[in-house]
Each structure stands twice: as structure tokens, then as C-alpha cells.
All heavy atoms as atom14 arrays in JSON, in Angstrom:
{
  "sequence": "FNPIAVYTDLSSFKLYLSDVGLLTMRAGIPQQTVLSGESNLFMGSVAE",
  "atom14_mask": [
    [1, 1, 1, 1, 1, 1, 1, 1, 1, 1, 1, 0, 0, 0],
    [1, 1, 1, 1, 1, 1, 1, 1, 0, 0, 0, 0, 0, 0],
    [1, 1, 1, 1, 1, 1, 1, 0, 0, 0, 0, 0, 0, 0],
    [1, 1, 1, 1, 1, 1, 1, 1, 0, 0, 0, 0, 0, 0],
    [1, 1, 1, 1, 1, 0, 0, 0, 0, 0, 0, 0, 0, 0],
    [1, 1, 1, 1, 1, 1, 1, 0, 0, 0, 0, 0, 0, 0],
    [1, 1, 1, 1, 1, 1, 1, 1, 1, 1, 1, 1, 0, 0],
    [1, 1, 1, 1, 1, 1, 1, 0, 0, 0, 0, 0, 0, 0],
    [1, 1, 1, 1, 1, 1, 1, 1, 0, 0, 0, 0, 0, 0],
    [1, 1, 1, 1, 1, 1, 1, 1, 0, 0, 0, 0, 0, 0],
    [1, 1, 1, 1, 1, 1, 0, 0, 0, 0, 0, 0, 0, 0],
    [1, 1, 1, 1, 1, 1, 0, 0, 0, 0, 0, 0, 0, 0],
    [1, 1, 1, 1, 1, 1, 1, 1, 1, 1, 1, 0, 0, 0],
    [1, 1, 1, 1, 1, 1, 1, 1, 1, 0, 0, 0, 0, 0],
    [1, 1, 1, 1, 1, 1, 1, 1, 0, 0, 0, 0, 0, 0],
    [1, 1, 1, 1, 1, 1, 1, 1, 1, 1, 1, 1, 0, 0],
    [1, 1, 1, 1, 1, 1, 1, 1, 0, 0, 0, 0, 0, 0],
    [1, 1, 1, 1, 1, 1, 0, 0, 0, 0, 0, 0, 0, 0],
    [1, 1, 1, 1, 1, 1, 1, 1, 0, 0, 0, 0, 0, 0],
    [1, 1, 1, 1, 1, 1, 1, 0, 0, 0, 0, 0, 0, 0],
    [1, 1, 1, 1, 0, 0, 0, 0, 0, 0, 0, 0, 0, 0],
    [1, 1, 1, 1, 1, 1, 1, 1, 0, 0, 0, 0, 0, 0],
    [1, 1, 1, 1, 1, 1, 1, 1, 0, 0, 0, 0, 0, 0],
    [1, 1, 1, 1, 1, 1, 1, 0, 0, 0, 0, 0, 0, 0],
    [1, 1, 1, 1, 1, 1, 1, 1, 0, 0, 0, 0, 0, 0],
    [1, 1, 1, 1, 1, 1, 1, 1, 1, 1, 1, 0, 0, 0],
    [1, 1, 1, 1, 1, 0, 0, 0, 0, 0, 0, 0, 0, 0],
    [1, 1, 1, 1, 0, 0, 0, 0, 0, 0, 0, 0, 0, 0],
    [1, 1, 1, 1, 1, 1, 1, 1, 0, 0, 0, 0, 0, 0],
    [1, 1, 1, 1, 1, 1, 1, 0, 0, 0, 0, 0, 0, 0],
    [1, 1, 1, 1, 1, 1, 1, 1, 1, 0, 0, 0, 0, 0],
    [1, 1, 1, 1, 1, 1, 1, 1, 1, 0, 0, 0, 0, 0],
    [1, 1, 1, 1, 1, 1, 1, 0, 0, 0, 0, 0, 0, 0],
    [1, 1, 1, 1, 1, 1, 1, 0, 0, 0, 0, 0, 0, 0],
    [1, 1, 1, 1, 1, 1, 1, 1, 0, 0, 0, 0, 0, 0],
    [1, 1, 1, 1, 1, 1, 0, 0, 0, 0, 0, 0, 0, 0],
    [1, 1, 1, 1, 0, 0, 0, 0, 0, 0, 0, 0, 0, 0],
    [1, 1, 1, 1, 1, 1, 1, 1, 1, 0, 0, 0, 0, 0],
    [1, 1, 1, 1, 1, 1, 0, 0, 0, 0, 0, 0, 0, 0],
    [1, 1, 1, 1, 1, 1, 1, 1, 0, 0, 0, 0, 0, 0],
    [1, 1, 1, 1, 1, 1, 1, 1, 0, 0, 0, 0, 0, 0],
    [1, 1, 1, 1, 1, 1, 1, 1, 1, 1, 1, 0, 0, 0],
    [1, 1, 1, 1, 1, 1, 1, 1, 0, 0, 0, 0, 0, 0],
    [1, 1, 1, 1, 0, 0, 0, 0, 0, 0, 0, 0, 0, 0],
    [1, 1, 1, 1, 1, 1, 0, 0, 0, 0, 0, 0, 0, 0],
    [1, 1, 1, 1, 1, 1, 1, 0, 0, 0, 0, 0, 0, 0],
    [1, 1, 1, 1, 1, 0, 0, 0, 0, 0, 0, 0, 0, 0],
    [1, 1, 1, 1, 1, 1, 1, 1, 1, 0, 0, 0, 0, 0]
  ],
  "atom14_positions": [
    [[-14.43, -32.86, -3.03], [-14.58, -34.3, -3.34], [-13.42, -35.08, -2.71], [-12.42, -34.58, -2.37], [-14.56, -34.55, -4.85], [-15.68, -33.88, -5.58], [-15.41, -33.04, -6.67], [-17.05, -34.01, -5.22], [-16.43, -32.44, -7.39], [-18.05, -33.4, -5.89], [-17.77, -32.6, -7.03], [0.0, 0.0, 0.0], [0.0, 0.0, 0.0], [0.0, 0.0, 0.0]],
    [[-13.67, -36.35, -2.49], [-12.68, -37.28, -1.95], [-11.71, -37.79, -3.05], [-12.22, -38.23, -4.08], [-13.4, -38.47, -1.32], [-12.45, -39.54, -0.79], [-11.34, -39.29, -0.5], [-13.01, -40.77, -0.65], [0.0, 0.0, 0.0], [0.0, 0.0, 0.0], [0.0, 0.0, 0.0], [0.0, 0.0, 0.0], [0.0, 0.0, 0.0], [0.0, 0.0, 0.0]],
    [[-10.39, -37.63, -2.89], [-9.71, -37.03, -1.78], [-9.51, -35.49, -2.04], [-9.15, -35.06, -3.16], [-8.33, -37.7, -1.91], [-8.14, -37.99, -3.33], [-9.49, -38.24, -3.9], [0.0, 0.0, 0.0], [0.0, 0.0, 0.0], [0.0, 0.0, 0.0], [0.0, 0.0, 0.0], [0.0, 0.0, 0.0], [0.0, 0.0, 0.0], [0.0, 0.0, 0.0]],
    [[-9.71, -34.72, -1.0], [-9.76, -33.3, -1.14], [-8.38, -32.7, -1.58], [-8.33, -31.61, -2.17], [-10.3, -32.58, 0.14], [-9.41, -32.94, 1.34], [-11.72, -32.91, 0.36], [-9.85, -32.19, 2.64], [0.0, 0.0, 0.0], [0.0, 0.0, 0.0], [0.0, 0.0, 0.0], [0.0, 0.0, 0.0], [0.0, 0.0, 0.0], [0.0, 0.0, 0.0]],
    [[-7.29, -33.36, -1.26], [-5.98, -32.79, -1.51], [-5.73, -32.58, -2.95], [-4.98, -31.65, -3.34], [-4.86, -33.69, -0.87], [0.0, 0.0, 0.0], [0.0, 0.0, 0.0], [0.0, 0.0, 0.0], [0.0, 0.0, 0.0], [0.0, 0.0, 0.0], [0.0, 0.0, 0.0], [0.0, 0.0, 0.0], [0.0, 0.0, 0.0], [0.0, 0.0, 0.0]],
    [[-6.37, -33.37, -3.82], [-6.07, -33.24, -5.29], [-6.89, -32.07, -5.88], [-6.66, -31.81, -7.08], [-6.37, -34.56, -6.02], [-5.55, -35.68, -5.35], [-7.88, -34.89, -6.01], [0.0, 0.0, 0.0], [0.0, 0.0, 0.0], [0.0, 0.0, 0.0], [0.0, 0.0, 0.0], [0.0, 0.0, 0.0], [0.0, 0.0, 0.0], [0.0, 0.0, 0.0]],
    [[-7.79, -31.47, -5.16], [-8.57, -30.37, -5.69], [-8.14, -29.04, -5.12], [-8.9, -28.13, -5.01], [-10.06, -30.6, -5.38], [-10.57, -31.9, -6.05], [-10.77, -33.07, -5.31], [-10.83, -31.91, -7.41], [-11.21, -34.26, -5.93], [-11.32, -33.07, -8.06], [-11.46, -34.21, -7.29], [-11.93, -35.35, -7.92], [0.0, 0.0, 0.0], [0.0, 0.0, 0.0]],
    [[-6.84, -28.96, -4.76], [-6.35, -27.73, -4.13], [-5.97, -26.69, -5.21], [-5.35, -27.06, -6.27], [-5.07, -28.04, -3.32], [-5.37, -29.05, -2.35], [-4.53, -26.81, -2.66], [0.0, 0.0, 0.0], [0.0, 0.0, 0.0], [0.0, 0.0, 0.0], [0.0, 0.0, 0.0], [0.0, 0.0, 0.0], [0.0, 0.0, 0.0], [0.0, 0.0, 0.0]],
    [[-6.35, -25.49, -5.0], [-5.95, -24.34, -5.84], [-4.66, -23.82, -5.19], [-4.73, -23.09, -4.18], [-7.04, -23.28, -5.84], [-6.63, -22.06, -6.62], [-5.46, -22.0, -7.11], [-7.43, -21.11, -6.71], [0.0, 0.0, 0.0], [0.0, 0.0, 0.0], [0.0, 0.0, 0.0], [0.0, 0.0, 0.0], [0.0, 0.0, 0.0], [0.0, 0.0, 0.0]],
    [[-3.53, -24.1, -5.77], [-2.23, -23.76, -5.18], [-1.97, -22.27, -5.13], [-1.12, -21.79, -4.37], [-1.09, -24.48, -5.88], [-1.13, -25.99, -5.86], [0.02, -26.61, -6.68], [-1.1, -26.52, -4.46], [0.0, 0.0, 0.0], [0.0, 0.0, 0.0], [0.0, 0.0, 0.0], [0.0, 0.0, 0.0], [0.0, 0.0, 0.0], [0.0, 0.0, 0.0]],
    [[-2.72, -21.5, -5.87], [-2.44, -20.05, -5.96], [-3.25, -19.32, -4.86], [-3.0, -18.08, -4.65], [-2.83, -19.5, -7.33], [-4.2, -19.63, -7.56], [0.0, 0.0, 0.0], [0.0, 0.0, 0.0], [0.0, 0.0, 0.0], [0.0, 0.0, 0.0], [0.0, 0.0, 0.0], [0.0, 0.0, 0.0], [0.0, 0.0, 0.0], [0.0, 0.0, 0.0]],
    [[-4.15, -19.97, -4.22], [-5.0, -19.28, -3.21], [-4.91, -19.91, -1.84], [-4.97, -21.19, -1.79], [-6.52, -19.27, -3.64], [-6.67, -18.61, -4.86], [0.0, 0.0, 0.0], [0.0, 0.0, 0.0], [0.0, 0.0, 0.0], [0.0, 0.0, 0.0], [0.0, 0.0, 0.0], [0.0, 0.0, 0.0], [0.0, 0.0, 0.0], [0.0, 0.0, 0.0]],
    [[-4.72, -19.14, -0.83], [-4.53, -19.67, 0.55], [-4.77, -18.61, 1.55], [-4.83, -17.4, 1.23], [-3.11, -20.26, 0.72], [-1.99, -19.24, 0.43], [-1.5, -18.42, 1.4], [-1.51, -19.07, -0.9], [-0.53, -17.43, 1.14], [-0.52, -18.17, -1.18], [-0.02, -17.36, -0.18], [0.0, 0.0, 0.0], [0.0, 0.0, 0.0], [0.0, 0.0, 0.0]],
    [[-4.96, -19.05, 2.79], [-5.07, -18.15, 3.94], [-3.9, -18.42, 4.85], [-3.39, -19.54, 4.92], [-6.35, -18.32, 4.71], [-7.63, -18.03, 3.87], [-8.86, -18.08, 4.72], [-9.24, -19.52, 5.11], [-10.56, -19.58, 5.77], [0.0, 0.0, 0.0], [0.0, 0.0, 0.0], [0.0, 0.0, 0.0], [0.0, 0.0, 0.0], [0.0, 0.0, 0.0]],
    [[-3.43, -17.43, 5.6], [-2.36, -17.64, 6.56], [-2.88, -17.25, 7.97], [-3.56, -16.24, 8.12], [-1.12, -16.74, 6.28], [-0.26, -17.11, 5.08], [0.95, -16.2, 4.97], [0.18, -18.56, 5.05], [0.0, 0.0, 0.0], [0.0, 0.0, 0.0], [0.0, 0.0, 0.0], [0.0, 0.0, 0.0], [0.0, 0.0, 0.0], [0.0, 0.0, 0.0]],
    [[-2.55, -18.1, 8.93], [-2.86, -17.85, 10.33], [-1.55, -17.86, 11.14], [-0.59, -18.52, 10.74], [-3.78, -18.94, 10.93], [-5.12, -19.06, 10.17], [-5.31, -20.03, 9.18], [-6.17, -18.16, 10.47], [-6.52, -20.15, 8.55], [-7.38, -18.32, 9.84], [-7.56, -19.26, 8.85], [-8.77, -19.39, 8.22], [0.0, 0.0, 0.0], [0.0, 0.0, 0.0]],
    [[-1.54, -17.14, 12.26], [-0.42, -17.28, 13.11], [-0.48, -18.6, 13.83], [-1.56, -19.08, 14.12], [-0.39, -16.14, 14.13], [-0.13, -14.71, 13.57], [0.1, -13.72, 14.71], [1.03, -14.64, 12.6], [0.0, 0.0, 0.0], [0.0, 0.0, 0.0], [0.0, 0.0, 0.0], [0.0, 0.0, 0.0], [0.0, 0.0, 0.0], [0.0, 0.0, 0.0]],
    [[0.71, -19.16, 14.14], [0.72, -20.52, 14.72], [0.24, -20.48, 16.21], [-0.09, -21.57, 16.76], [2.15, -21.1, 14.68], [3.01, -20.22, 15.39], [0.0, 0.0, 0.0], [0.0, 0.0, 0.0], [0.0, 0.0, 0.0], [0.0, 0.0, 0.0], [0.0, 0.0, 0.0], [0.0, 0.0, 0.0], [0.0, 0.0, 0.0], [0.0, 0.0, 0.0]],
    [[0.13, -19.28, 16.75], [-0.35, -19.17, 18.14], [-1.36, -18.03, 18.19], [-1.07, -16.89, 17.79], [0.8, -18.9, 19.07], [0.31, -18.76, 20.53], [-0.15, -19.72, 21.13], [0.37, -17.63, 21.09], [0.0, 0.0, 0.0], [0.0, 0.0, 0.0], [0.0, 0.0, 0.0], [0.0, 0.0, 0.0], [0.0, 0.0, 0.0], [0.0, 0.0, 0.0]],
    [[-2.58, -18.32, 18.66], [-3.67, -17.34, 18.69], [-3.35, -16.21, 19.67], [-3.76, -15.06, 19.46], [-5.0, -17.98, 19.03], [-5.06, -18.48, 20.49], [-6.17, -17.05, 18.7], [0.0, 0.0, 0.0], [0.0, 0.0, 0.0], [0.0, 0.0, 0.0], [0.0, 0.0, 0.0], [0.0, 0.0, 0.0], [0.0, 0.0, 0.0], [0.0, 0.0, 0.0]],
    [[-2.59, -16.5, 20.76], [-2.28, -15.49, 21.7], [-1.41, -14.39, 21.06], [-1.56, -13.16, 21.33], [0.0, 0.0, 0.0], [0.0, 0.0, 0.0], [0.0, 0.0, 0.0], [0.0, 0.0, 0.0], [0.0, 0.0, 0.0], [0.0, 0.0, 0.0], [0.0, 0.0, 0.0], [0.0, 0.0, 0.0], [0.0, 0.0, 0.0], [0.0, 0.0, 0.0]],
    [[-0.51, -14.79, 20.17], [0.33, -13.83, 19.47], [-0.48, -12.96, 18.53], [-0.25, -11.79, 18.37], [1.44, -14.52, 18.7], [2.45, -15.3, 19.51], [3.52, -15.97, 18.6], [3.12, -14.45, 20.57], [0.0, 0.0, 0.0], [0.0, 0.0, 0.0], [0.0, 0.0, 0.0], [0.0, 0.0, 0.0], [0.0, 0.0, 0.0], [0.0, 0.0, 0.0]],
    [[-1.51, -13.57, 17.91], [-2.43, -12.79, 17.0], [-3.21, -11.8, 17.85], [-3.27, -10.59, 17.45], [-3.34, -13.74, 16.28], [-4.47, -13.0, 15.48], [-3.8, -12.27, 14.31], [-5.55, -13.98, 14.99], [0.0, 0.0, 0.0], [0.0, 0.0, 0.0], [0.0, 0.0, 0.0], [0.0, 0.0, 0.0], [0.0, 0.0, 0.0], [0.0, 0.0, 0.0]],
    [[-3.76, -12.21, 18.99], [-4.49, -11.21, 19.8], [-3.65, -10.07, 20.22], [-4.08, -8.9, 20.19], [-5.08, -11.97, 21.04], [-5.89, -13.07, 20.61], [-5.92, -11.07, 21.91], [0.0, 0.0, 0.0], [0.0, 0.0, 0.0], [0.0, 0.0, 0.0], [0.0, 0.0, 0.0], [0.0, 0.0, 0.0], [0.0, 0.0, 0.0], [0.0, 0.0, 0.0]],
    [[-2.41, -10.35, 20.62], [-1.5, -9.31, 21.06], [-1.11, -8.38, 19.9], [-1.14, -7.16, 19.99], [-0.23, -9.9, 21.71], [0.7, -8.88, 22.36], [1.82, -8.06, 21.28], [2.89, -9.46, 20.86], [0.0, 0.0, 0.0], [0.0, 0.0, 0.0], [0.0, 0.0, 0.0], [0.0, 0.0, 0.0], [0.0, 0.0, 0.0], [0.0, 0.0, 0.0]],
    [[-0.8, -9.0, 18.72], [-0.33, -8.22, 17.58], [-1.49, -7.33, 17.06], [-1.19, -6.22, 16.56], [0.13, -9.17, 16.44], [1.45, -9.86, 16.74], [2.61, -8.92, 16.65], [2.72, -8.36, 15.3], [3.49, -7.29, 14.99], [4.2, -6.71, 15.94], [3.53, -6.83, 13.77], [0.0, 0.0, 0.0], [0.0, 0.0, 0.0], [0.0, 0.0, 0.0]],
    [[-2.7, -7.82, 17.16], [-3.84, -7.04, 16.63], [-4.21, -5.9, 17.57], [-4.89, -4.96, 17.16], [-5.09, -7.95, 16.45], [0.0, 0.0, 0.0], [0.0, 0.0, 0.0], [0.0, 0.0, 0.0], [0.0, 0.0, 0.0], [0.0, 0.0, 0.0], [0.0, 0.0, 0.0], [0.0, 0.0, 0.0], [0.0, 0.0, 0.0], [0.0, 0.0, 0.0]],
    [[-3.75, -5.97, 18.82], [-4.0, -4.9, 19.73], [-5.4, -4.89, 20.32], [-5.95, -3.81, 20.71], [0.0, 0.0, 0.0], [0.0, 0.0, 0.0], [0.0, 0.0, 0.0], [0.0, 0.0, 0.0], [0.0, 0.0, 0.0], [0.0, 0.0, 0.0], [0.0, 0.0, 0.0], [0.0, 0.0, 0.0], [0.0, 0.0, 0.0], [0.0, 0.0, 0.0]],
    [[-6.01, -6.03, 20.39], [-7.39, -6.11, 20.93], [-7.31, -5.93, 22.42], [-6.55, -6.59, 23.11], [-8.01, -7.47, 20.59], [-8.05, -7.73, 19.1], [-9.5, -7.46, 21.09], [-8.53, -9.14, 18.74], [0.0, 0.0, 0.0], [0.0, 0.0, 0.0], [0.0, 0.0, 0.0], [0.0, 0.0, 0.0], [0.0, 0.0, 0.0], [0.0, 0.0, 0.0]],
    [[-8.09, -5.02, 23.02], [-8.06, -4.85, 24.46], [-8.45, -6.18, 25.14], [-9.36, -6.85, 24.71], [-9.1, -3.76, 24.73], [-9.2, -3.02, 23.48], [-8.98, -4.05, 22.38], [0.0, 0.0, 0.0], [0.0, 0.0, 0.0], [0.0, 0.0, 0.0], [0.0, 0.0, 0.0], [0.0, 0.0, 0.0], [0.0, 0.0, 0.0], [0.0, 0.0, 0.0]],
    [[-7.73, -6.5, 26.21], [-8.01, -7.8, 26.9], [-9.45, -7.8, 27.41], [-10.07, -8.87, 27.47], [-7.0, -7.95, 28.01], [-5.58, -8.3, 27.57], [-4.66, -8.73, 28.67], [-5.07, -8.84, 29.82], [-3.38, -8.93, 28.36], [0.0, 0.0, 0.0], [0.0, 0.0, 0.0], [0.0, 0.0, 0.0], [0.0, 0.0, 0.0], [0.0, 0.0, 0.0]],
    [[-9.92, -6.69, 27.89], [-11.3, -6.67, 28.4], [-12.34, -6.99, 27.34], [-13.45, -7.61, 27.63], [-11.63, -5.32, 29.1], [-11.61, -4.13, 28.18], [-10.21, -3.42, 28.19], [-9.19, -4.1, 28.36], [-10.26, -2.14, 28.07], [0.0, 0.0, 0.0], [0.0, 0.0, 0.0], [0.0, 0.0, 0.0], [0.0, 0.0, 0.0], [0.0, 0.0, 0.0]],
    [[-12.05, -6.67, 26.11], [-12.94, -7.02, 24.98], [-13.0, -8.53, 24.81], [-14.06, -9.11, 24.64], [-12.46, -6.36, 23.69], [-12.52, -4.95, 23.87], [-13.32, -6.78, 22.52], [0.0, 0.0, 0.0], [0.0, 0.0, 0.0], [0.0, 0.0, 0.0], [0.0, 0.0, 0.0], [0.0, 0.0, 0.0], [0.0, 0.0, 0.0], [0.0, 0.0, 0.0]],
    [[-11.84, -9.17, 24.9], [-11.79, -10.64, 24.72], [-12.44, -11.32, 25.9], [-13.24, -12.25, 25.72], [-10.3, -11.12, 24.6], [-10.24, -12.62, 24.44], [-9.6, -10.4, 23.45], [0.0, 0.0, 0.0], [0.0, 0.0, 0.0], [0.0, 0.0, 0.0], [0.0, 0.0, 0.0], [0.0, 0.0, 0.0], [0.0, 0.0, 0.0], [0.0, 0.0, 0.0]],
    [[-12.14, -10.9, 27.1], [-12.61, -11.56, 28.3], [-14.12, -11.38, 28.51], [-14.83, -12.32, 29.01], [-11.89, -11.08, 29.55], [-10.38, -11.39, 29.6], [-9.74, -10.69, 30.8], [-10.15, -12.89, 29.68], [0.0, 0.0, 0.0], [0.0, 0.0, 0.0], [0.0, 0.0, 0.0], [0.0, 0.0, 0.0], [0.0, 0.0, 0.0], [0.0, 0.0, 0.0]],
    [[-14.67, -10.27, 28.1], [-16.08, -10.04, 28.3], [-16.93, -10.64, 27.16], [-18.17, -10.79, 27.4], [-16.35, -8.5, 28.38], [-16.05, -7.91, 27.09], [0.0, 0.0, 0.0], [0.0, 0.0, 0.0], [0.0, 0.0, 0.0], [0.0, 0.0, 0.0], [0.0, 0.0, 0.0], [0.0, 0.0, 0.0], [0.0, 0.0, 0.0], [0.0, 0.0, 0.0]],
    [[-16.36, -10.93, 26.06], [-17.11, -11.46, 24.94], [-17.96, -10.38, 24.23], [-18.86, -10.74, 23.46], [0.0, 0.0, 0.0], [0.0, 0.0, 0.0], [0.0, 0.0, 0.0], [0.0, 0.0, 0.0], [0.0, 0.0, 0.0], [0.0, 0.0, 0.0], [0.0, 0.0, 0.0], [0.0, 0.0, 0.0], [0.0, 0.0, 0.0], [0.0, 0.0, 0.0]],
    [[-17.61, -9.14, 24.47], [-18.38, -8.04, 23.85], [-18.19, -8.06, 22.31], [-17.2, -8.61, 21.78], [-17.95, -6.69, 24.4], [-16.55, -6.27, 24.07], [-16.16, -4.97, 24.75], [-16.02, -4.92, 25.99], [-15.96, -3.99, 23.98], [0.0, 0.0, 0.0], [0.0, 0.0, 0.0], [0.0, 0.0, 0.0], [0.0, 0.0, 0.0], [0.0, 0.0, 0.0]],
    [[-19.1, -7.47, 21.61], [-19.11, -7.53, 20.12], [-17.88, -6.8, 19.63], [-17.6, -5.67, 20.0], [-20.38, -6.85, 19.61], [-20.37, -6.86, 18.22], [0.0, 0.0, 0.0], [0.0, 0.0, 0.0], [0.0, 0.0, 0.0], [0.0, 0.0, 0.0], [0.0, 0.0, 0.0], [0.0, 0.0, 0.0], [0.0, 0.0, 0.0], [0.0, 0.0, 0.0]],
    [[-17.15, -7.53, 18.75], [-16.01, -6.94, 18.09], [-15.79, -7.74, 16.79], [-15.69, -8.96, 16.83], [-14.73, -7.02, 18.99], [-13.54, -6.47, 18.32], [-12.94, -7.08, 17.41], [-13.11, -5.27, 18.73], [0.0, 0.0, 0.0], [0.0, 0.0, 0.0], [0.0, 0.0, 0.0], [0.0, 0.0, 0.0], [0.0, 0.0, 0.0], [0.0, 0.0, 0.0]],
    [[-15.75, -7.04, 15.64], [-15.72, -7.72, 14.37], [-14.49, -8.57, 14.22], [-14.58, -9.69, 13.67], [-15.77, -6.67, 13.26], [-15.97, -7.17, 11.85], [-17.3, -7.88, 11.7], [-15.89, -5.99, 10.84], [0.0, 0.0, 0.0], [0.0, 0.0, 0.0], [0.0, 0.0, 0.0], [0.0, 0.0, 0.0], [0.0, 0.0, 0.0], [0.0, 0.0, 0.0]],
    [[-13.37, -8.18, 14.69], [-12.12, -8.94, 14.46], [-12.1, -10.23, 15.32], [-11.33, -11.14, 14.99], [-10.9, -8.12, 14.81], [-9.59, -8.73, 14.4], [-9.26, -8.87, 13.08], [-8.68, -9.26, 15.33], [-8.07, -9.49, 12.63], [-7.51, -9.88, 14.99], [-7.16, -9.95, 13.61], [0.0, 0.0, 0.0], [0.0, 0.0, 0.0], [0.0, 0.0, 0.0]],
    [[-12.94, -10.33, 16.35], [-12.95, -11.53, 17.14], [-13.35, -12.82, 16.29], [-13.01, -13.87, 16.71], [-13.83, -11.38, 18.34], [-13.29, -10.49, 19.44], [-11.68, -11.01, 20.06], [-12.06, -12.64, 20.65], [0.0, 0.0, 0.0], [0.0, 0.0, 0.0], [0.0, 0.0, 0.0], [0.0, 0.0, 0.0], [0.0, 0.0, 0.0], [0.0, 0.0, 0.0]],
    [[-14.05, -12.56, 15.23], [-14.36, -13.71, 14.33], [-13.12, -14.29, 13.75], [-12.97, -15.48, 13.63], [0.0, 0.0, 0.0], [0.0, 0.0, 0.0], [0.0, 0.0, 0.0], [0.0, 0.0, 0.0], [0.0, 0.0, 0.0], [0.0, 0.0, 0.0], [0.0, 0.0, 0.0], [0.0, 0.0, 0.0], [0.0, 0.0, 0.0], [0.0, 0.0, 0.0]],
    [[-12.14, -13.39, 13.37], [-10.88, -13.85, 12.87], [-10.04, -14.53, 13.96], [-9.29, -15.51, 13.67], [-10.05, -12.66, 12.26], [-10.78, -12.09, 11.23], [0.0, 0.0, 0.0], [0.0, 0.0, 0.0], [0.0, 0.0, 0.0], [0.0, 0.0, 0.0], [0.0, 0.0, 0.0], [0.0, 0.0, 0.0], [0.0, 0.0, 0.0], [0.0, 0.0, 0.0]],
    [[-10.08, -14.03, 15.19], [-9.37, -14.63, 16.27], [-9.91, -16.09, 16.5], [-9.13, -17.02, 16.67], [-9.54, -13.78, 17.53], [-8.92, -14.5, 18.78], [-8.82, -12.41, 17.36], [0.0, 0.0, 0.0], [0.0, 0.0, 0.0], [0.0, 0.0, 0.0], [0.0, 0.0, 0.0], [0.0, 0.0, 0.0], [0.0, 0.0, 0.0], [0.0, 0.0, 0.0]],
    [[-11.22, -16.2, 16.52], [-11.84, -17.55, 16.72], [-11.39, -18.49, 15.6], [-11.11, -19.66, 15.82], [-13.35, -17.48, 16.82], [0.0, 0.0, 0.0], [0.0, 0.0, 0.0], [0.0, 0.0, 0.0], [0.0, 0.0, 0.0], [0.0, 0.0, 0.0], [0.0, 0.0, 0.0], [0.0, 0.0, 0.0], [0.0, 0.0, 0.0], [0.0, 0.0, 0.0]],
    [[-11.36, -17.99, 14.36], [-10.96, -18.79, 13.23], [-9.48, -19.23, 13.35], [-9.12, -20.39, 13.05], [-11.17, -18.03, 11.97], [-11.1, -18.83, 10.66], [-11.46, -18.01, 9.42], [-12.38, -17.2, 9.51], [-10.8, -18.21, 8.4], [0.0, 0.0, 0.0], [0.0, 0.0, 0.0], [0.0, 0.0, 0.0], [0.0, 0.0, 0.0], [0.0, 0.0, 0.0]]
  ]
}
């Protein structure tokens, strides 16, 4: 609802790395997997 900030559950959150390239490297995804767009479950998290 408007304003959304007042409906925050402070105990629940997600964390992302500030740079997606660092996430891709840390996760160890082969570069060819990323470049080819082949099916990989973790690529959903990378896109997010």
C-alpha cells in the first residue's frame, strides 16, 4: 500500500552484491554459460 516504506518487515530482507560481475565470479559460473544463455538455474539469481 501507499506509502510502501511504512509496511516494511524489518526482520526479513534479501541481500545482493553491489556489483553483478562480482556475483558471477564468486558463484563460479562458467563464462560460456553466461554468454550463450544456456539453461542454468542460478542465472535467475544473477538476473535478479
